[in-house]
Amino acid sequence: MNRIARFAAVSLLCGISLAQAPAPTDGYVPTAETAIQIAKVVLKPIVGEPGLKSQEPFHAELHDGVWEVGGRWNKFPSTMRGGGGVYMRIRKQTGEILGYYFNI
């Protein structure tokens, strides 16, 4: 088999094996618990473990195909140690992070 034929065969096999599977019917983020876990994983390097723990318990609500995940409000006013809470929006169907915000 010449080099061109081998390259074509390998390219064809790689193309077939890399074909994308269909998205799950319930989306990649089907439940509130899944949305909360994604938010925690993404936010941990941003706010740190203590910052993440200070936001518990987290809650999630689905609005128009977007999970809105929020942490609890801290007991301190915003002028003390950051205050406020964290909020993240995640698209249910794709898992795309639409943004995260800090309520101060």
PDB file of N, CA and C in Angstrom:
ATOM      1  N   MET A   1       0.863  -1.184   0.000  1.00  0.00           N
ATOM      2  CA  MET A   1       0.000   0.000   0.000  1.00  0.00           C
ATOM      3  C   MET A   1       0.903   1.239   0.000  1.00  0.00           C
ATOM      4  N   ASN A   2       0.644   2.124  -0.909  1.00  0.00           N
ATOM      5  CA  ASN A   2       1.508   3.293  -0.980  1.00  0.00           C
ATOM      6  C   ASN A   2       1.172   4.292   0.136  1.00  0.00           C
ATOM      7  N   ARG A   3       1.991   5.285   0.285  1.00  0.00           N
ATOM      8  CA  ARG A   3       1.862   6.252   1.384  1.00  0.00           C
ATOM      9  C   ARG A   3       0.542   7.024   1.311  1.00  0.00           C
ATOM     10  N   ILE A   4       0.124   7.412   0.142  1.00  0.00           N
ATOM     11  CA  ILE A   4      -1.114   8.185  -0.010  1.00  0.00           C
ATOM     12  C   ILE A   4      -2.317   7.339   0.394  1.00  0.00           C
ATOM     13  N   ALA A   5      -2.327   6.100  -0.013  1.00  0.00           N
ATOM     14  CA  ALA A   5      -3.444   5.211   0.335  1.00  0.00           C
ATOM     15  C   ALA A   5      -3.486   4.977   1.843  1.00  0.00           C
ATOM     16  N   ARG A   6      -2.321   4.774   2.463  1.00  0.00           N
ATOM     17  CA  ARG A   6      -2.278   4.589   3.928  1.00  0.00           C
ATOM     18  C   ARG A   6      -2.758   5.846   4.647  1.00  0.00           C
ATOM     19  N   PHE A   7      -2.319   7.004   4.189  1.00  0.00           N
ATOM     20  CA  PHE A   7      -2.743   8.270   4.800  1.00  0.00           C
ATOM     21  C   PHE A   7      -4.256   8.429   4.680  1.00  0.00           C
ATOM     22  N   ALA A   8      -4.817   8.119   3.524  1.00  0.00           N
ATOM     23  CA  ALA A   8      -6.263   8.226   3.310  1.00  0.00           C
ATOM     24  C   ALA A   8      -7.013   7.264   4.229  1.00  0.00           C
ATOM     25  N   ALA A   9      -6.509   6.047   4.368  1.00  0.00           N
ATOM     26  CA  ALA A   9      -7.171   5.049   5.223  1.00  0.00           C
ATOM     27  C   ALA A   9      -7.141   5.487   6.682  1.00  0.00           C
ATOM     28  N   VAL A  10      -5.996   5.973   7.149  1.00  0.00           N
ATOM     29  CA  VAL A  10      -5.874   6.429   8.539  1.00  0.00           C
ATOM     30  C   VAL A  10      -6.761   7.646   8.773  1.00  0.00           C
ATOM     31  N   SER A  11      -6.767   8.570   7.820  1.00  0.00           N
ATOM     32  CA  SER A  11      -7.615   9.761   7.951  1.00  0.00           C
ATOM     33  C   SER A  11      -9.083   9.386   8.027  1.00  0.00           C
ATOM     34  N   LEU A  12      -9.499   8.440   7.207  1.00  0.00           N
ATOM     35  CA  LEU A  12     -10.886   7.992   7.219  1.00  0.00           C
ATOM     36  C   LEU A  12     -11.237   7.356   8.554  1.00  0.00           C
ATOM     37  N   LEU A  13     -10.362   6.497   9.069  1.00  0.00           N
ATOM     38  CA  LEU A  13     -10.620   5.851  10.358  1.00  0.00           C
ATOM     39  C   LEU A  13     -10.668   6.867  11.493  1.00  0.00           C
ATOM     40  N   CYS A  14      -9.765   7.829  11.488  1.00  0.00           N
ATOM     41  CA  CYS A  14      -9.767   8.863  12.525  1.00  0.00           C
ATOM     42  C   CYS A  14     -11.038   9.702  12.440  1.00  0.00           C
ATOM     43  N   GLY A  15     -11.447  10.036  11.248  1.00  0.00           N
ATOM     44  CA  GLY A  15     -12.671  10.806  11.067  1.00  0.00           C
ATOM     45  C   GLY A  15     -13.884  10.073  11.595  1.00  0.00           C
ATOM     46  N   ILE A  16     -13.930   8.771  11.371  1.00  0.00           N
ATOM     47  CA  ILE A  16     -15.057   7.974  11.855  1.00  0.00           C
ATOM     48  C   ILE A  16     -15.034   7.890  13.374  1.00  0.00           C
ATOM     49  N   SER A  17     -13.869   7.668  13.968  1.00  0.00           N
ATOM     50  CA  SER A  17     -13.795   7.501  15.417  1.00  0.00           C
ATOM     51  C   SER A  17     -14.005   8.816  16.162  1.00  0.00           C
ATOM     52  N   LEU A  18     -13.785   9.955  15.493  1.00  0.00           N
ATOM     53  CA  LEU A  18     -13.960  11.240  16.147  1.00  0.00           C
ATOM     54  C   LEU A  18     -15.344  11.850  15.905  1.00  0.00           C
ATOM     55  N   ALA A  19     -16.215  11.112  15.231  1.00  0.00           N
ATOM     56  CA  ALA A  19     -17.562  11.628  14.981  1.00  0.00           C
ATOM     57  C   ALA A  19     -18.252  11.892  16.317  1.00  0.00           C
ATOM     58  N   GLN A  20     -18.931  13.023  16.399  1.00  0.00           N
ATOM     59  CA  GLN A  20     -19.573  13.418  17.651  1.00  0.00           C
ATOM     60  C   GLN A  20     -20.857  12.638  17.870  1.00  0.00           C
ATOM     61  N   ALA A  21     -21.018  12.124  19.066  1.00  0.00           N
ATOM     62  CA  ALA A  21     -22.245  11.420  19.441  1.00  0.00           C
ATOM     63  C   ALA A  21     -23.368  12.444  19.597  1.00  0.00           C
ATOM     64  N   PRO A  22     -24.606  12.026  19.389  1.00  0.00           N
ATOM     65  CA  PRO A  22     -25.715  12.963  19.571  1.00  0.00           C
ATOM     66  C   PRO A  22     -25.829  13.409  21.025  1.00  0.00           C
ATOM     67  N   ALA A  23     -26.301  14.628  21.205  1.00  0.00           N
ATOM     68  CA  ALA A  23     -26.475  15.161  22.565  1.00  0.00           C
ATOM     69  C   ALA A  23     -27.571  14.376  23.280  1.00  0.00           C
ATOM     70  N   PRO A  24     -27.460  14.212  24.605  1.00  0.00           N
ATOM     71  CA  PRO A  24     -28.513  13.545  25.355  1.00  0.00           C
ATOM     72  C   PRO A  24     -29.834  14.300  25.196  1.00  0.00           C
ATOM     73  N   THR A  25     -30.951  13.572  25.183  1.00  0.00           N
ATOM     74  CA  THR A  25     -32.247  14.220  24.984  1.00  0.00           C
ATOM     75  C   THR A  25     -32.575  15.205  26.098  1.00  0.00           C
ATOM     76  N   ASP A  26     -32.103  14.959  27.313  1.00  0.00           N
ATOM     77  CA  ASP A  26     -32.336  15.871  28.439  1.00  0.00           C
ATOM     78  C   ASP A  26     -31.266  16.943  28.548  1.00  0.00           C
ATOM     79  N   GLY A  27     -30.328  16.970  27.601  1.00  0.00           N
ATOM     80  CA  GLY A  27     -29.243  17.927  27.653  1.00  0.00           C
ATOM     81  C   GLY A  27     -28.083  17.387  28.468  1.00  0.00           C
ATOM     82  N   TYR A  28     -26.971  18.095  28.422  1.00  0.00           N
ATOM     83  CA  TYR A  28     -25.784  17.679  29.154  1.00  0.00           C
ATOM     84  C   TYR A  28     -25.886  17.997  30.643  1.00  0.00           C
ATOM     85  N   VAL A  29     -26.800  18.882  31.014  1.00  0.00           N
ATOM     86  CA  VAL A  29     -26.988  19.251  32.425  1.00  0.00           C
ATOM     87  C   VAL A  29     -28.473  19.027  32.759  1.00  0.00           C
ATOM     88  N   PRO A  30     -28.870  17.759  32.969  1.00  0.00           N
ATOM     89  CA  PRO A  30     -30.289  17.448  33.089  1.00  0.00           C
ATOM     90  C   PRO A  30     -30.927  17.795  34.428  1.00  0.00           C
ATOM     91  N   THR A  31     -30.133  17.890  35.493  1.00  0.00           N
ATOM     92  CA  THR A  31     -30.712  18.094  36.821  1.00  0.00           C
ATOM     93  C   THR A  31     -30.075  19.271  37.550  1.00  0.00           C
ATOM     94  N   ALA A  32     -30.783  19.731  38.570  1.00  0.00           N
ATOM     95  CA  ALA A  32     -30.262  20.817  39.406  1.00  0.00           C
ATOM     96  C   ALA A  32     -28.964  20.392  40.086  1.00  0.00           C
ATOM     97  N   GLU A  33     -28.917  19.150  40.541  1.00  0.00           N
ATOM     98  CA  GLU A  33     -27.702  18.662  41.225  1.00  0.00           C
ATOM     99  C   GLU A  33     -26.497  18.689  40.287  1.00  0.00           C
ATOM    100  N   THR A  34     -26.690  18.322  39.032  1.00  0.00           N
ATOM    101  CA  THR A  34     -25.601  18.376  38.051  1.00  0.00           C
ATOM    102  C   THR A  34     -25.142  19.818  37.851  1.00  0.00           C
ATOM    103  N   ALA A  35     -26.081  20.743  37.740  1.00  0.00           N
ATOM    104  CA  ALA A  35     -25.744  22.160  37.566  1.00  0.00           C
ATOM    105  C   ALA A  35     -24.944  22.673  38.770  1.00  0.00           C
ATOM    106  N   ILE A  36     -25.339  22.280  39.967  1.00  0.00           N
ATOM    107  CA  ILE A  36     -24.632  22.706  41.179  1.00  0.00           C
ATOM    108  C   ILE A  36     -23.207  22.163  41.186  1.00  0.00           C
ATOM    109  N   GLN A  37     -23.036  20.900  40.819  1.00  0.00           N
ATOM    110  CA  GLN A  37     -21.696  20.311  40.803  1.00  0.00           C
ATOM    111  C   GLN A  37     -20.798  21.001  39.778  1.00  0.00           C
ATOM    112  N   ILE A  38     -21.339  21.316  38.615  1.00  0.00           N
ATOM    113  CA  ILE A  38     -20.551  22.034  37.596  1.00  0.00           C
ATOM    114  C   ILE A  38     -20.142  23.405  38.131  1.00  0.00           C
ATOM    115  N   ALA A  39     -21.083  24.120  38.735  1.00  0.00           N
ATOM    116  CA  ALA A  39     -20.778  25.449  39.276  1.00  0.00           C
ATOM    117  C   ALA A  39     -19.671  25.364  40.326  1.00  0.00           C
ATOM    118  N   LYS A  40     -19.730  24.373  41.197  1.00  0.00           N
ATOM    119  CA  LYS A  40     -18.710  24.229  42.239  1.00  0.00           C
ATOM    120  C   LYS A  40     -17.328  23.968  41.640  1.00  0.00           C
ATOM    121  N   VAL A  41     -17.265  23.099  40.631  1.00  0.00           N
ATOM    122  CA  VAL A  41     -15.979  22.774  40.002  1.00  0.00           C
ATOM    123  C   VAL A  41     -15.387  24.002  39.320  1.00  0.00           C
ATOM    124  N   VAL A  42     -16.218  24.770  38.629  1.00  0.00           N
ATOM    125  CA  VAL A  42     -15.734  25.951  37.916  1.00  0.00           C
ATOM    126  C   VAL A  42     -15.340  27.060  38.893  1.00  0.00           C
ATOM    127  N   LEU A  43     -16.111  27.238  39.953  1.00  0.00           N
ATOM    128  CA  LEU A  43     -15.867  28.338  40.886  1.00  0.00           C
ATOM    129  C   LEU A  43     -14.743  28.082  41.889  1.00  0.00           C
ATOM    130  N   LYS A  44     -14.418  26.833  42.155  1.00  0.00           N
ATOM    131  CA  LYS A  44     -13.401  26.521  43.178  1.00  0.00           C
ATOM    132  C   LYS A  44     -12.068  27.224  42.926  1.00  0.00           C
ATOM    133  N   PRO A  45     -11.500  27.193  41.708  1.00  0.00           N
ATOM    134  CA  PRO A  45     -10.230  27.899  41.518  1.00  0.00           C
ATOM    135  C   PRO A  45     -10.370  29.428  41.565  1.00  0.00           C
ATOM    136  N   ILE A  46     -11.589  29.922  41.417  1.00  0.00           N
ATOM    137  CA  ILE A  46     -11.812  31.365  41.409  1.00  0.00           C
ATOM    138  C   ILE A  46     -11.957  31.906  42.829  1.00  0.00           C
ATOM    139  N   VAL A  47     -12.773  31.244  43.633  1.00  0.00           N
ATOM    140  CA  VAL A  47     -13.047  31.740  44.993  1.00  0.00           C
ATOM    141  C   VAL A  47     -12.332  30.951  46.071  1.00  0.00           C
ATOM    142  N   GLY A  48     -11.721  29.803  45.711  1.00  0.00           N
ATOM    143  CA  GLY A  48     -11.022  28.976  46.679  1.00  0.00           C
ATOM    144  C   GLY A  48     -11.978  28.099  47.474  1.00  0.00           C
ATOM    145  N   GLU A  49     -11.424  27.124  48.142  1.00  0.00           N
ATOM    146  CA  GLU A  49     -12.228  26.191  48.945  1.00  0.00           C
ATOM    147  C   GLU A  49     -12.985  26.892  50.067  1.00  0.00           C
ATOM    148  N   PRO A  50     -12.327  27.786  50.844  1.00  0.00           N
ATOM    149  CA  PRO A  50     -13.081  28.479  51.896  1.00  0.00           C
ATOM    150  C   PRO A  50     -14.211  29.346  51.340  1.00  0.00           C
ATOM    151  N   GLY A  51     -13.951  30.015  50.213  1.00  0.00           N
ATOM    152  CA  GLY A  51     -14.977  30.839  49.598  1.00  0.00           C
ATOM    153  C   GLY A  51     -16.151  30.009  49.114  1.00  0.00           C
ATOM    154  N   LEU A  52     -15.854  28.827  48.588  1.00  0.00           N
ATOM    155  CA  LEU A  52     -16.894  27.920  48.118  1.00  0.00           C
ATOM    156  C   LEU A  52     -17.726  27.405  49.293  1.00  0.00           C
ATOM    157  N   LYS A  53     -17.055  27.012  50.350  1.00  0.00           N
ATOM    158  CA  LYS A  53     -17.760  26.508  51.541  1.00  0.00           C
ATOM    159  C   LYS A  53     -18.646  27.592  52.153  1.00  0.00           C
ATOM    160  N   SER A  54     -18.209  28.842  52.093  1.00  0.00           N
ATOM    161  CA  SER A  54     -18.995  29.921  52.694  1.00  0.00           C
ATOM    162  C   SER A  54     -20.297  30.175  51.932  1.00  0.00           C
ATOM    163  N   GLN A  55     -20.389  29.670  50.697  1.00  0.00           N
ATOM    164  CA  GLN A  55     -21.585  29.874  49.882  1.00  0.00           C
ATOM    165  C   GLN A  55     -22.632  28.773  50.055  1.00  0.00           C
ATOM    166  N   GLU A  56     -22.269  27.672  50.706  1.00  0.00           N
ATOM    167  CA  GLU A  56     -23.212  26.555  50.856  1.00  0.00           C
ATOM    168  C   GLU A  56     -24.351  26.927  51.786  1.00  0.00           C
ATOM    169  N   PRO A  57     -25.537  26.407  51.542  1.00  0.00           N
ATOM    170  CA  PRO A  57     -25.900  25.478  50.476  1.00  0.00           C
ATOM    171  C   PRO A  57     -26.181  26.212  49.168  1.00  0.00           C
ATOM    172  N   PHE A  58     -25.833  25.541  48.063  1.00  0.00           N
ATOM    173  CA  PHE A  58     -26.131  26.064  46.738  1.00  0.00           C
ATOM    174  C   PHE A  58     -27.529  25.619  46.326  1.00  0.00           C
ATOM    175  N   HIS A  59     -28.146  26.363  45.451  1.00  0.00           N
ATOM    176  CA  HIS A  59     -29.455  25.998  44.915  1.00  0.00           C
ATOM    177  C   HIS A  59     -29.442  26.287  43.410  1.00  0.00           C
ATOM    178  N   ALA A  60     -30.320  25.602  42.669  1.00  0.00           N
ATOM    179  CA  ALA A  60     -30.390  25.802  41.217  1.00  0.00           C
ATOM    180  C   ALA A  60     -31.846  25.786  40.777  1.00  0.00           C
ATOM    181  N   GLU A  61     -32.151  26.686  39.858  1.00  0.00           N
ATOM    182  CA  GLU A  61     -33.488  26.755  39.272  1.00  0.00           C
ATOM    183  C   GLU A  61     -33.333  26.851  37.761  1.00  0.00           C
ATOM    184  N   LEU A  62     -34.253  26.198  37.036  1.00  0.00           N
ATOM    185  CA  LEU A  62     -34.223  26.209  35.579  1.00  0.00           C
ATOM    186  C   LEU A  62     -35.185  27.262  35.049  1.00  0.00           C
ATOM    187  N   HIS A  63     -34.673  28.175  34.230  1.00  0.00           N
ATOM    188  CA  HIS A  63     -35.482  29.231  33.613  1.00  0.00           C
ATOM    189  C   HIS A  63     -35.142  29.303  32.131  1.00  0.00           C
ATOM    190  N   ASP A  64     -36.120  29.013  31.278  1.00  0.00           N
ATOM    191  CA  ASP A  64     -35.939  29.103  29.818  1.00  0.00           C
ATOM    192  C   ASP A  64     -34.709  28.345  29.328  1.00  0.00           C
ATOM    193  N   GLY A  65     -34.500  27.134  29.837  1.00  0.00           N
ATOM    194  CA  GLY A  65     -33.389  26.301  29.378  1.00  0.00           C
ATOM    195  C   GLY A  65     -32.041  26.660  29.961  1.00  0.00           C
ATOM    196  N   VAL A  66     -32.021  27.529  30.963  1.00  0.00           N
ATOM    197  CA  VAL A  66     -30.764  27.940  31.594  1.00  0.00           C
ATOM    198  C   VAL A  66     -30.863  27.692  33.093  1.00  0.00           C
ATOM    199  N   TRP A  67     -29.887  26.959  33.625  1.00  0.00           N
ATOM    200  CA  TRP A  67     -29.817  26.758  35.075  1.00  0.00           C
ATOM    201  C   TRP A  67     -29.228  28.011  35.712  1.00  0.00           C
ATOM    202  N   GLU A  68     -29.890  28.504  36.727  1.00  0.00           N
ATOM    203  CA  GLU A  68     -29.378  29.626  37.509  1.00  0.00           C
ATOM    204  C   GLU A  68     -28.994  29.053  38.867  1.00  0.00           C
ATOM    205  N   VAL A  69     -27.700  29.024  39.109  1.00  0.00           N
ATOM    206  CA  VAL A  69     -27.152  28.409  40.318  1.00  0.00           C
ATOM    207  C   VAL A  69     -26.656  29.516  41.231  1.00  0.00           C
ATOM    208  N   GLY A  70     -27.037  29.462  42.491  1.00  0.00           N
ATOM    209  CA  GLY A  70     -26.612  30.489  43.434  1.00  0.00           C
ATOM    210  C   GLY A  70     -26.193  29.901  44.763  1.00  0.00           C
ATOM    211  N   GLY A  71     -25.282  30.605  45.400  1.00  0.00           N
ATOM    212  CA  GLY A  71     -24.897  30.261  46.762  1.00  0.00           C
ATOM    213  C   GLY A  71     -25.689  31.124  47.725  1.00  0.00           C
ATOM    214  N   ARG A  72     -25.601  30.800  48.988  1.00  0.00           N
ATOM    215  CA  ARG A  72     -26.347  31.586  49.984  1.00  0.00           C
ATOM    216  C   ARG A  72     -25.672  32.929  50.195  1.00  0.00           C
ATOM    217  N   TRP A  73     -26.428  33.867  50.728  1.00  0.00           N
ATOM    218  CA  TRP A  73     -25.859  35.166  51.074  1.00  0.00           C
ATOM    219  C   TRP A  73     -25.069  35.024  52.357  1.00  0.00           C
ATOM    220  N   ASN A  74     -23.879  35.624  52.399  1.00  0.00           N
ATOM    221  CA  ASN A  74     -23.088  35.621  53.632  1.00  0.00           C
ATOM    222  C   ASN A  74     -23.781  36.455  54.701  1.00  0.00           C
ATOM    223  N   LYS A  75     -23.419  36.209  55.931  1.00  0.00           N
ATOM    224  CA  LYS A  75     -24.010  36.933  57.057  1.00  0.00           C
ATOM    225  C   LYS A  75     -23.426  38.327  57.208  1.00  0.00           C
ATOM    226  N   PHE A  76     -22.289  38.584  56.570  1.00  0.00           N
ATOM    227  CA  PHE A  76     -21.601  39.861  56.746  1.00  0.00           C
ATOM    228  C   PHE A  76     -22.061  40.867  55.701  1.00  0.00           C
ATOM    229  N   PRO A  77     -22.096  42.143  56.046  1.00  0.00           N
ATOM    230  CA  PRO A  77     -22.376  43.167  55.029  1.00  0.00           C
ATOM    231  C   PRO A  77     -21.278  43.163  53.972  1.00  0.00           C
ATOM    232  N   SER A  78     -21.550  43.741  52.813  1.00  0.00           N
ATOM    233  CA  SER A  78     -20.595  43.685  51.711  1.00  0.00           C
ATOM    234  C   SER A  78     -19.279  44.380  52.024  1.00  0.00           C
ATOM    235  N   THR A  79     -19.250  45.240  53.005  1.00  0.00           N
ATOM    236  CA  THR A  79     -18.006  45.931  53.346  1.00  0.00           C
ATOM    237  C   THR A  79     -17.078  45.055  54.174  1.00  0.00           C
ATOM    238  N   MET A  80     -17.575  43.928  54.666  1.00  0.00           N
ATOM    239  CA  MET A  80     -16.746  43.044  55.477  1.00  0.00           C
ATOM    240  C   MET A  80     -16.433  41.771  54.720  1.00  0.00           C
ATOM    241  N   ARG A  81     -15.161  41.528  54.423  1.00  0.00           N
ATOM    242  CA  ARG A  81     -14.678  40.284  53.850  1.00  0.00           C
ATOM    243  C   ARG A  81     -15.409  39.887  52.577  1.00  0.00           C
ATOM    244  N   GLY A  82     -15.760  40.823  51.735  1.00  0.00           N
ATOM    245  CA  GLY A  82     -16.363  40.491  50.446  1.00  0.00           C
ATOM    246  C   GLY A  82     -17.869  40.432  50.464  1.00  0.00           C
ATOM    247  N   GLY A  83     -18.470  39.800  51.457  1.00  0.00           N
ATOM    248  CA  GLY A  83     -19.922  39.701  51.558  1.00  0.00           C
ATOM    249  C   GLY A  83     -20.573  39.170  50.296  1.00  0.00           C
ATOM    250  N   GLY A  84     -21.887  39.207  50.241  1.00  0.00           N
ATOM    251  CA  GLY A  84     -22.624  38.823  49.048  1.00  0.00           C
ATOM    252  C   GLY A  84     -22.585  37.342  48.758  1.00  0.00           C
ATOM    253  N   GLY A  85     -22.986  36.998  47.562  1.00  0.00           N
ATOM    254  CA  GLY A  85     -23.043  35.607  47.146  1.00  0.00           C
ATOM    255  C   GLY A  85     -22.577  35.464  45.718  1.00  0.00           C
ATOM    256  N   VAL A  86     -22.461  34.221  45.276  1.00  0.00           N
ATOM    257  CA  VAL A  86     -22.016  33.946  43.918  1.00  0.00           C
ATOM    258  C   VAL A  86     -23.186  33.352  43.133  1.00  0.00           C
ATOM    259  N   TYR A  87     -23.220  33.622  41.829  1.00  0.00           N
ATOM    260  CA  TYR A  87     -24.327  33.247  40.972  1.00  0.00           C
ATOM    261  C   TYR A  87     -23.760  32.836  39.614  1.00  0.00           C
ATOM    262  N   MET A  88     -24.237  31.713  39.063  1.00  0.00           N
ATOM    263  CA  MET A  88     -23.736  31.237  37.768  1.00  0.00           C
ATOM    264  C   MET A  88     -24.903  30.808  36.892  1.00  0.00           C
ATOM    265  N   ARG A  89     -24.770  31.042  35.589  1.00  0.00           N
ATOM    266  CA  ARG A  89     -25.784  30.621  34.621  1.00  0.00           C
ATOM    267  C   ARG A  89     -25.163  29.566  33.699  1.00  0.00           C
ATOM    268  N   ILE A  90     -25.874  28.407  33.547  1.00  0.00           N
ATOM    269  CA  ILE A  90     -25.386  27.285  32.748  1.00  0.00           C
ATOM    270  C   ILE A  90     -26.499  26.828  31.808  1.00  0.00           C
ATOM    271  N   ARG A  91     -26.203  26.738  30.514  1.00  0.00           N
ATOM    272  CA  ARG A  91     -27.200  26.281  29.544  1.00  0.00           C
ATOM    273  C   ARG A  91     -27.417  24.772  29.713  1.00  0.00           C
ATOM    274  N   LYS A  92     -28.662  24.366  29.898  1.00  0.00           N
ATOM    275  CA  LYS A  92     -29.013  22.967  30.158  1.00  0.00           C
ATOM    276  C   LYS A  92     -28.627  22.057  28.997  1.00  0.00           C
ATOM    277  N   GLN A  93     -28.936  22.442  27.784  1.00  0.00           N
ATOM    278  CA  GLN A  93     -28.745  21.568  26.627  1.00  0.00           C
ATOM    279  C   GLN A  93     -27.277  21.314  26.326  1.00  0.00           C
ATOM    280  N   THR A  94     -26.436  22.336  26.431  1.00  0.00           N
ATOM    281  CA  THR A  94     -25.038  22.213  26.009  1.00  0.00           C
ATOM    282  C   THR A  94     -24.023  22.190  27.151  1.00  0.00           C
ATOM    283  N   GLY A  95     -24.411  22.669  28.336  1.00  0.00           N
ATOM    284  CA  GLY A  95     -23.466  22.773  29.446  1.00  0.00           C
ATOM    285  C   GLY A  95     -22.622  24.032  29.396  1.00  0.00           C
ATOM    286  N   GLU A  96     -22.903  24.912  28.449  1.00  0.00           N
ATOM    287  CA  GLU A  96     -22.135  26.150  28.297  1.00  0.00           C
ATOM    288  C   GLU A  96     -22.310  27.048  29.523  1.00  0.00           C
ATOM    289  N   ILE A  97     -21.198  27.550  30.048  1.00  0.00           N
ATOM    290  CA  ILE A  97     -21.227  28.514  31.148  1.00  0.00           C
ATOM    291  C   ILE A  97     -21.493  29.883  30.517  1.00  0.00           C
ATOM    292  N   LEU A  98     -22.630  30.468  30.848  1.00  0.00           N
ATOM    293  CA  LEU A  98     -22.996  31.760  30.265  1.00  0.00           C
ATOM    294  C   LEU A  98     -22.414  32.928  31.046  1.00  0.00           C
ATOM    295  N   GLY A  99     -21.974  32.672  32.256  1.00  0.00           N
ATOM    296  CA  GLY A  99     -21.355  33.715  33.052  1.00  0.00           C
ATOM    297  C   GLY A  99     -21.489  33.413  34.536  1.00  0.00           C
ATOM    298  N   TYR A 100     -20.678  34.099  35.315  1.00  0.00           N
ATOM    299  CA  TYR A 100     -20.809  34.012  36.760  1.00  0.00           C
ATOM    300  C   TYR A 100     -20.672  35.429  37.310  1.00  0.00           C
ATOM    301  N   TYR A 101     -21.328  35.632  38.411  1.00  0.00           N
ATOM    302  CA  TYR A 101     -21.429  36.975  38.986  1.00  0.00           C
ATOM    303  C   TYR A 101     -21.287  36.894  40.478  1.00  0.00           C
ATOM    304  N   PHE A 102     -20.838  37.974  41.078  1.00  0.00           N
ATOM    305  CA  PHE A 102     -20.770  38.092  42.531  1.00  0.00           C
ATOM    306  C   PHE A 102     -21.741  39.165  42.951  1.00  0.00           C
ATOM    307  N   ASN A 103     -22.702  38.812  43.791  1.00  0.00           N
ATOM    308  CA  ASN A 103     -23.642  39.797  44.350  1.00  0.00           C
ATOM    309  C   ASN A 103     -22.977  40.424  45.566  1.00  0.00           C
ATOM    310  N   ILE A 104     -22.750  41.702  45.516  1.00  0.00           N
ATOM    311  CA  ILE A 104     -22.068  42.375  46.624  1.00  0.00           C
ATOM    312  C   ILE A 104     -23.050  43.284  47.337  1.00  0.00           C
TER     313      ILE A 104
END
